[in-house]
């Protein structure tokens, strides 16, 4: 899953949200210097990624893209699924996405000193372009994919995957809906486990 889903699945704890958000840049077990709730967010992120990669519905979505985008298919579907979460936000939250996003951005500002350098560098672009809200539109997703394309070491052509999103829009959305219900269930269980676990 991409940024919005990881943040949403972290519950209401700001530090768990931040840990989950910046976990991709933290490797191995070298995270004990972070506050405990940041550590929980990192572990939660990894659990979500493991569950996602193995889920048959997620794999069904990636299979539709694999012939053209190869190992980038999973990255693309992560972003597609964030689009459907943002588009259908009122199904999953009583708070407006605009307000939810601003609260998260403010938590990044308030906790700037504990962010990784990578996250500190990413933060201004994310806030200025309001990435989380931009996921609601196909145009917004297209901009995100194009930006990611330019950062890839090898040619990924992800910017062209909007064609597949539009062509198989209902299929991707139905797969997201089924998958995300399962992911919410497992995340609630994982959050409860982490709430009682203090040794890493």
C-alpha atoms as a PDB file:
ATOM      1  CA  UNK A   1       0.000   0.000   0.000  1.00  0.00           C
ATOM      2  CA  UNK A   2       1.064   3.584  -0.526  1.00  0.00           C
ATOM      3  CA  UNK A   3       1.208   6.595   1.810  1.00  0.00           C
ATOM      4  CA  UNK A   4      -2.480   7.266   2.443  1.00  0.00           C
ATOM      5  CA  UNK A   5      -3.373   3.671   3.256  1.00  0.00           C
ATOM      6  CA  UNK A   6      -0.405   3.236   5.587  1.00  0.00           C
ATOM      7  CA  UNK A   7      -1.310   6.408   7.480  1.00  0.00           C
ATOM      8  CA  UNK A   8      -4.997   5.503   7.677  1.00  0.00           C
ATOM      9  CA  UNK A   9      -4.281   1.992   8.947  1.00  0.00           C
ATOM     10  CA  UNK A  10      -2.189   3.383  11.814  1.00  0.00           C
ATOM     11  CA  UNK A  11      -5.216   4.504  13.830  1.00  0.00           C
ATOM     12  CA  UNK A  12      -5.239   7.771  15.768  1.00  0.00           C
ATOM     13  CA  UNK A  13      -1.722   7.756  17.221  1.00  0.00           C
ATOM     14  CA  UNK A  14       0.368  10.427  15.452  1.00  0.00           C
ATOM     15  CA  UNK A  15       3.704   8.745  16.137  1.00  0.00           C
ATOM     16  CA  UNK A  16       2.512   5.366  14.883  1.00  0.00           C
ATOM     17  CA  UNK A  17       1.297   7.149  11.734  1.00  0.00           C
ATOM     18  CA  UNK A  18       4.696   8.794  11.273  1.00  0.00           C
ATOM     19  CA  UNK A  19       6.581   5.544  11.848  1.00  0.00           C
ATOM     20  CA  UNK A  20       4.374   3.764   9.343  1.00  0.00           C
ATOM     21  CA  UNK A  21       4.780   6.612   6.847  1.00  0.00           C
ATOM     22  CA  UNK A  22       8.579   6.724   6.901  1.00  0.00           C
ATOM     23  CA  UNK A  23       9.286   3.006   7.379  1.00  0.00           C
ATOM     24  CA  UNK A  24      10.318   2.339   3.773  1.00  0.00           C
ATOM     25  CA  UNK A  25      13.559   4.208   4.358  1.00  0.00           C
ATOM     26  CA  UNK A  26      14.430   2.291   7.534  1.00  0.00           C
ATOM     27  CA  UNK A  27      16.085  -1.068   7.011  1.00  0.00           C
ATOM     28  CA  UNK A  28      16.729  -4.056   9.236  1.00  0.00           C
ATOM     29  CA  UNK A  29      16.479  -3.672  13.001  1.00  0.00           C
ATOM     30  CA  UNK A  30      18.214  -0.301  13.240  1.00  0.00           C
ATOM     31  CA  UNK A  31      15.282   1.634  14.660  1.00  0.00           C
ATOM     32  CA  UNK A  32      15.615   1.245  18.427  1.00  0.00           C
ATOM     33  CA  UNK A  33      16.653   4.896  18.822  1.00  0.00           C
ATOM     34  CA  UNK A  34      13.162   6.027  17.816  1.00  0.00           C
ATOM     35  CA  UNK A  35      10.324   6.523  20.336  1.00  0.00           C
ATOM     36  CA  UNK A  36       8.415   3.306  21.017  1.00  0.00           C
ATOM     37  CA  UNK A  37       5.342   4.388  19.035  1.00  0.00           C
ATOM     38  CA  UNK A  38       7.495   5.189  15.993  1.00  0.00           C
ATOM     39  CA  UNK A  39       8.927   1.672  16.289  1.00  0.00           C
ATOM     40  CA  UNK A  40       5.406   0.259  16.385  1.00  0.00           C
ATOM     41  CA  UNK A  41       4.562   2.178  13.219  1.00  0.00           C
ATOM     42  CA  UNK A  42       7.605   0.739  11.456  1.00  0.00           C
ATOM     43  CA  UNK A  43       6.670  -2.810  12.459  1.00  0.00           C
ATOM     44  CA  UNK A  44       3.066  -2.218  11.431  1.00  0.00           C
ATOM     45  CA  UNK A  45       4.215  -0.968   8.018  1.00  0.00           C
ATOM     46  CA  UNK A  46       6.221  -4.134   7.481  1.00  0.00           C
ATOM     47  CA  UNK A  47       3.305  -6.330   8.511  1.00  0.00           C
ATOM     48  CA  UNK A  48       1.016  -4.500   6.071  1.00  0.00           C
ATOM     49  CA  UNK A  49       3.511  -4.907   3.235  1.00  0.00           C
ATOM     50  CA  UNK A  50       3.960  -8.621   3.930  1.00  0.00           C
ATOM     51  CA  UNK A  51       0.202  -9.202   4.017  1.00  0.00           C
ATOM     52  CA  UNK A  52      -0.346  -7.126   0.877  1.00  0.00           C
ATOM     53  CA  UNK A  53       2.293  -8.845  -1.244  1.00  0.00           C
ATOM     54  CA  UNK A  54       0.859 -12.291  -0.452  1.00  0.00           C
ATOM     55  CA  UNK A  55      -2.834 -11.443  -0.850  1.00  0.00           C
ATOM     56  CA  UNK A  56      -4.449 -13.154  -3.873  1.00  0.00           C
ATOM     57  CA  UNK A  57      -6.614 -10.155  -4.752  1.00  0.00           C
ATOM     58  CA  UNK A  58      -3.647  -7.781  -4.743  1.00  0.00           C
ATOM     59  CA  UNK A  59      -1.739 -10.272  -6.875  1.00  0.00           C
ATOM     60  CA  UNK A  60      -4.701 -10.412  -9.247  1.00  0.00           C
ATOM     61  CA  UNK A  61      -4.433  -6.643  -9.699  1.00  0.00           C
ATOM     62  CA  UNK A  62      -0.686  -6.765 -10.298  1.00  0.00           C
ATOM     63  CA  UNK A  63      -1.056  -9.630 -12.786  1.00  0.00           C
ATOM     64  CA  UNK A  64      -3.078  -7.317 -15.029  1.00  0.00           C
ATOM     65  CA  UNK A  65      -0.045  -5.022 -15.290  1.00  0.00           C
ATOM     66  CA  UNK A  66       2.862  -7.426 -15.152  1.00  0.00           C
ATOM     67  CA  UNK A  67       3.415  -8.035 -18.855  1.00  0.00           C
ATOM     68  CA  UNK A  68       3.970  -4.336 -19.458  1.00  0.00           C
ATOM     69  CA  UNK A  69       5.405  -3.039 -16.150  1.00  0.00           C
ATOM     70  CA  UNK A  70       7.094  -6.156 -14.718  1.00  0.00           C
ATOM     71  CA  UNK A  71       8.334  -5.724 -11.120  1.00  0.00           C
ATOM     72  CA  UNK A  72       6.948  -2.184 -10.964  1.00  0.00           C
ATOM     73  CA  UNK A  73       3.407  -3.605 -11.092  1.00  0.00           C
ATOM     74  CA  UNK A  74       3.145  -3.819  -7.313  1.00  0.00           C
ATOM     75  CA  UNK A  75       4.234  -0.194  -6.887  1.00  0.00           C
ATOM     76  CA  UNK A  76       1.637   0.913  -9.426  1.00  0.00           C
ATOM     77  CA  UNK A  77      -1.168  -1.043  -7.773  1.00  0.00           C
ATOM     78  CA  UNK A  78      -0.196   0.450  -4.403  1.00  0.00           C
ATOM     79  CA  UNK A  79      -0.844   3.878  -5.886  1.00  0.00           C
ATOM     80  CA  UNK A  80      -4.031   2.796  -7.663  1.00  0.00           C
ATOM     81  CA  UNK A  81      -5.357   1.466  -4.359  1.00  0.00           C
ATOM     82  CA  UNK A  82      -4.547   4.760  -2.617  1.00  0.00           C
ATOM     83  CA  UNK A  83      -6.619   6.449  -5.325  1.00  0.00           C
ATOM     84  CA  UNK A  84      -9.617   4.280  -4.511  1.00  0.00           C
ATOM     85  CA  UNK A  85      -9.172   4.872  -0.784  1.00  0.00           C
ATOM     86  CA  UNK A  86      -9.079   8.634  -1.360  1.00  0.00           C
ATOM     87  CA  UNK A  87     -11.969   8.554  -3.820  1.00  0.00           C
ATOM     88  CA  UNK A  88     -14.150   6.544  -1.414  1.00  0.00           C
ATOM     89  CA  UNK A  89     -12.806   8.198   1.731  1.00  0.00           C
ATOM     90  CA  UNK A  90     -16.249   8.828   3.244  1.00  0.00           C
ATOM     91  CA  UNK A  91     -16.781   5.050   3.331  1.00  0.00           C
ATOM     92  CA  UNK A  92     -13.849   4.664   5.715  1.00  0.00           C
ATOM     93  CA  UNK A  93     -13.804   7.897   7.711  1.00  0.00           C
ATOM     94  CA  UNK A  94     -16.245  10.508   9.040  1.00  0.00           C
ATOM     95  CA  UNK A  95     -13.555  13.188   8.694  1.00  0.00           C
ATOM     96  CA  UNK A  96     -13.028  15.054   5.430  1.00  0.00           C
ATOM     97  CA  UNK A  97      -9.883  13.916   3.641  1.00  0.00           C
ATOM     98  CA  UNK A  98      -8.717  17.538   3.448  1.00  0.00           C
ATOM     99  CA  UNK A  99      -8.903  17.892   7.235  1.00  0.00           C
ATOM    100  CA  UNK A 100      -7.377  14.469   7.871  1.00  0.00           C
ATOM    101  CA  UNK A 101      -4.476  15.241   5.564  1.00  0.00           C
ATOM    102  CA  UNK A 102      -3.786  18.617   7.146  1.00  0.00           C
ATOM    103  CA  UNK A 103      -3.730  17.043  10.611  1.00  0.00           C
ATOM    104  CA  UNK A 104      -1.132  14.573   9.394  1.00  0.00           C
ATOM    105  CA  UNK A 105       0.966  17.289   7.771  1.00  0.00           C
ATOM    106  CA  UNK A 106       0.866  19.233  11.035  1.00  0.00           C
ATOM    107  CA  UNK A 107       2.039  16.169  12.955  1.00  0.00           C
ATOM    108  CA  UNK A 108       5.049  15.995  10.618  1.00  0.00           C
ATOM    109  CA  UNK A 109       5.813  19.652  11.348  1.00  0.00           C
ATOM    110  CA  UNK A 110       5.412  19.118  15.099  1.00  0.00           C
ATOM    111  CA  UNK A 111       7.740  16.093  15.098  1.00  0.00           C
ATOM    112  CA  UNK A 112      10.254  17.279  12.501  1.00  0.00           C
ATOM    113  CA  UNK A 113      13.287  16.567  14.700  1.00  0.00           C
ATOM    114  CA  UNK A 114      12.584  12.823  14.864  1.00  0.00           C
ATOM    115  CA  UNK A 115      11.922  12.346  11.149  1.00  0.00           C
ATOM    116  CA  UNK A 116      14.501  10.569   9.019  1.00  0.00           C
ATOM    117  CA  UNK A 117      16.497  12.810   6.652  1.00  0.00           C
ATOM    118  CA  UNK A 118      14.681  11.190   3.738  1.00  0.00           C
ATOM    119  CA  UNK A 119      11.310  12.093   5.231  1.00  0.00           C
ATOM    120  CA  UNK A 120      12.444  15.615   6.056  1.00  0.00           C
ATOM    121  CA  UNK A 121      13.416  16.045   2.404  1.00  0.00           C
ATOM    122  CA  UNK A 122      10.150  14.604   1.119  1.00  0.00           C
ATOM    123  CA  UNK A 123       7.896  16.545   3.482  1.00  0.00           C
ATOM    124  CA  UNK A 124       7.882  19.991   1.769  1.00  0.00           C
ATOM    125  CA  UNK A 125       6.935  18.508  -1.604  1.00  0.00           C
ATOM    126  CA  UNK A 126       4.241  16.351  -0.070  1.00  0.00           C
ATOM    127  CA  UNK A 127       2.658  19.246   1.813  1.00  0.00           C
ATOM    128  CA  UNK A 128       3.016  21.878  -0.911  1.00  0.00           C
ATOM    129  CA  UNK A 129       1.420  19.619  -3.516  1.00  0.00           C
ATOM    130  CA  UNK A 130      -1.035  18.094  -1.025  1.00  0.00           C
ATOM    131  CA  UNK A 131      -0.283  14.570  -2.178  1.00  0.00           C
ATOM    132  CA  UNK A 132      -2.795  12.820   0.063  1.00  0.00           C
ATOM    133  CA  UNK A 133      -5.739  14.811  -1.290  1.00  0.00           C
ATOM    134  CA  UNK A 134      -4.433  14.672  -4.861  1.00  0.00           C
ATOM    135  CA  UNK A 135      -4.906  10.890  -4.807  1.00  0.00           C
ATOM    136  CA  UNK A 136      -8.649  11.480  -5.229  1.00  0.00           C
ATOM    137  CA  UNK A 137      -8.390  12.171  -8.948  1.00  0.00           C
ATOM    138  CA  UNK A 138      -6.936  10.233 -11.860  1.00  0.00           C
ATOM    139  CA  UNK A 139      -5.055  13.395 -12.813  1.00  0.00           C
ATOM    140  CA  UNK A 140      -3.492  13.539  -9.359  1.00  0.00           C
ATOM    141  CA  UNK A 141      -2.447   9.906  -9.555  1.00  0.00           C
ATOM    142  CA  UNK A 142      -0.954  10.588 -12.967  1.00  0.00           C
ATOM    143  CA  UNK A 143       1.244  13.339 -11.543  1.00  0.00           C
ATOM    144  CA  UNK A 144       2.434  11.066  -8.725  1.00  0.00           C
ATOM    145  CA  UNK A 145       3.282   8.243 -11.140  1.00  0.00           C
ATOM    146  CA  UNK A 146       5.157  10.623 -13.438  1.00  0.00           C
ATOM    147  CA  UNK A 147       7.217  11.963 -10.527  1.00  0.00           C
ATOM    148  CA  UNK A 148       8.023   8.436  -9.372  1.00  0.00           C
ATOM    149  CA  UNK A 149       9.015   7.513 -12.915  1.00  0.00           C
ATOM    150  CA  UNK A 150      11.710  10.179 -12.968  1.00  0.00           C
ATOM    151  CA  UNK A 151      13.204   8.888  -9.708  1.00  0.00           C
ATOM    152  CA  UNK A 152      13.585   5.292 -10.880  1.00  0.00           C
ATOM    153  CA  UNK A 153      17.068   4.084 -11.764  1.00  0.00           C
ATOM    154  CA  UNK A 154      15.769   2.119 -14.723  1.00  0.00           C
ATOM    155  CA  UNK A 155      12.974   2.854 -17.178  1.00  0.00           C
ATOM    156  CA  UNK A 156       9.708   1.934 -15.475  1.00  0.00           C
ATOM    157  CA  UNK A 157       7.121   3.652 -17.717  1.00  0.00           C
ATOM    158  CA  UNK A 158       4.820   3.927 -14.713  1.00  0.00           C
ATOM    159  CA  UNK A 159       3.474   7.230 -15.999  1.00  0.00           C
ATOM    160  CA  UNK A 160       1.735   5.308 -18.790  1.00  0.00           C
ATOM    161  CA  UNK A 161      -0.154   3.002 -16.410  1.00  0.00           C
ATOM    162  CA  UNK A 162      -3.008   5.517 -16.175  1.00  0.00           C
ATOM    163  CA  UNK A 163      -4.136   3.892 -19.430  1.00  0.00           C
ATOM    164  CA  UNK A 164      -4.661   0.572 -17.637  1.00  0.00           C
ATOM    165  CA  UNK A 165      -6.302   2.306 -14.676  1.00  0.00           C
ATOM    166  CA  UNK A 166      -8.886   3.883 -16.958  1.00  0.00           C
ATOM    167  CA  UNK A 167      -9.349   0.746 -19.058  1.00  0.00           C
ATOM    168  CA  UNK A 168      -9.874  -1.591 -16.072  1.00  0.00           C
ATOM    169  CA  UNK A 169     -11.163   0.988 -13.604  1.00  0.00           C
ATOM    170  CA  UNK A 170     -14.092  -0.997 -12.206  1.00  0.00           C
ATOM    171  CA  UNK A 171     -12.012  -4.180 -11.911  1.00  0.00           C
ATOM    172  CA  UNK A 172      -9.293  -2.409  -9.937  1.00  0.00           C
ATOM    173  CA  UNK A 173     -11.834  -0.671  -7.723  1.00  0.00           C
ATOM    174  CA  UNK A 174     -13.688  -3.905  -6.936  1.00  0.00           C
ATOM    175  CA  UNK A 175     -10.409  -5.645  -6.115  1.00  0.00           C
ATOM    176  CA  UNK A 176      -9.378  -2.777  -3.861  1.00  0.00           C
ATOM    177  CA  UNK A 177     -12.676  -2.945  -1.945  1.00  0.00           C
ATOM    178  CA  UNK A 178     -12.368  -6.676  -1.270  1.00  0.00           C
ATOM    179  CA  UNK A 179      -8.683  -6.483  -0.422  1.00  0.00           C
ATOM    180  CA  UNK A 180      -8.946  -3.447   1.842  1.00  0.00           C
ATOM    181  CA  UNK A 181     -11.614  -5.003   4.048  1.00  0.00           C
ATOM    182  CA  UNK A 182      -9.244  -7.920   4.689  1.00  0.00           C
ATOM    183  CA  UNK A 183      -6.366  -5.538   5.302  1.00  0.00           C
ATOM    184  CA  UNK A 184      -8.351  -3.492   7.819  1.00  0.00           C
ATOM    185  CA  UNK A 185      -9.166  -6.669   9.749  1.00  0.00           C
ATOM    186  CA  UNK A 186      -5.566  -7.874   9.924  1.00  0.00           C
ATOM    187  CA  UNK A 187      -4.301  -4.386  10.776  1.00  0.00           C
ATOM    188  CA  UNK A 188      -6.662  -4.062  13.719  1.00  0.00           C
ATOM    189  CA  UNK A 189      -5.338  -7.376  15.012  1.00  0.00           C
ATOM    190  CA  UNK A 190      -1.733  -6.264  14.479  1.00  0.00           C
ATOM    191  CA  UNK A 191      -2.346  -2.950  16.208  1.00  0.00           C
ATOM    192  CA  UNK A 192      -3.776  -4.736  19.232  1.00  0.00           C
ATOM    193  CA  UNK A 193      -0.733  -7.037  19.296  1.00  0.00           C
ATOM    194  CA  UNK A 194       1.692  -4.128  19.120  1.00  0.00           C
ATOM    195  CA  UNK A 195      -0.177  -2.276  21.850  1.00  0.00           C
ATOM    196  CA  UNK A 196       0.747  -5.049  24.285  1.00  0.00           C
ATOM    197  CA  UNK A 197       4.277  -5.687  23.010  1.00  0.00           C
ATOM    198  CA  UNK A 198       7.124  -3.577  24.381  1.00  0.00           C
ATOM    199  CA  UNK A 199      10.241  -5.551  23.460  1.00  0.00           C
ATOM    200  CA  UNK A 200      11.549  -5.485  19.938  1.00  0.00           C
END
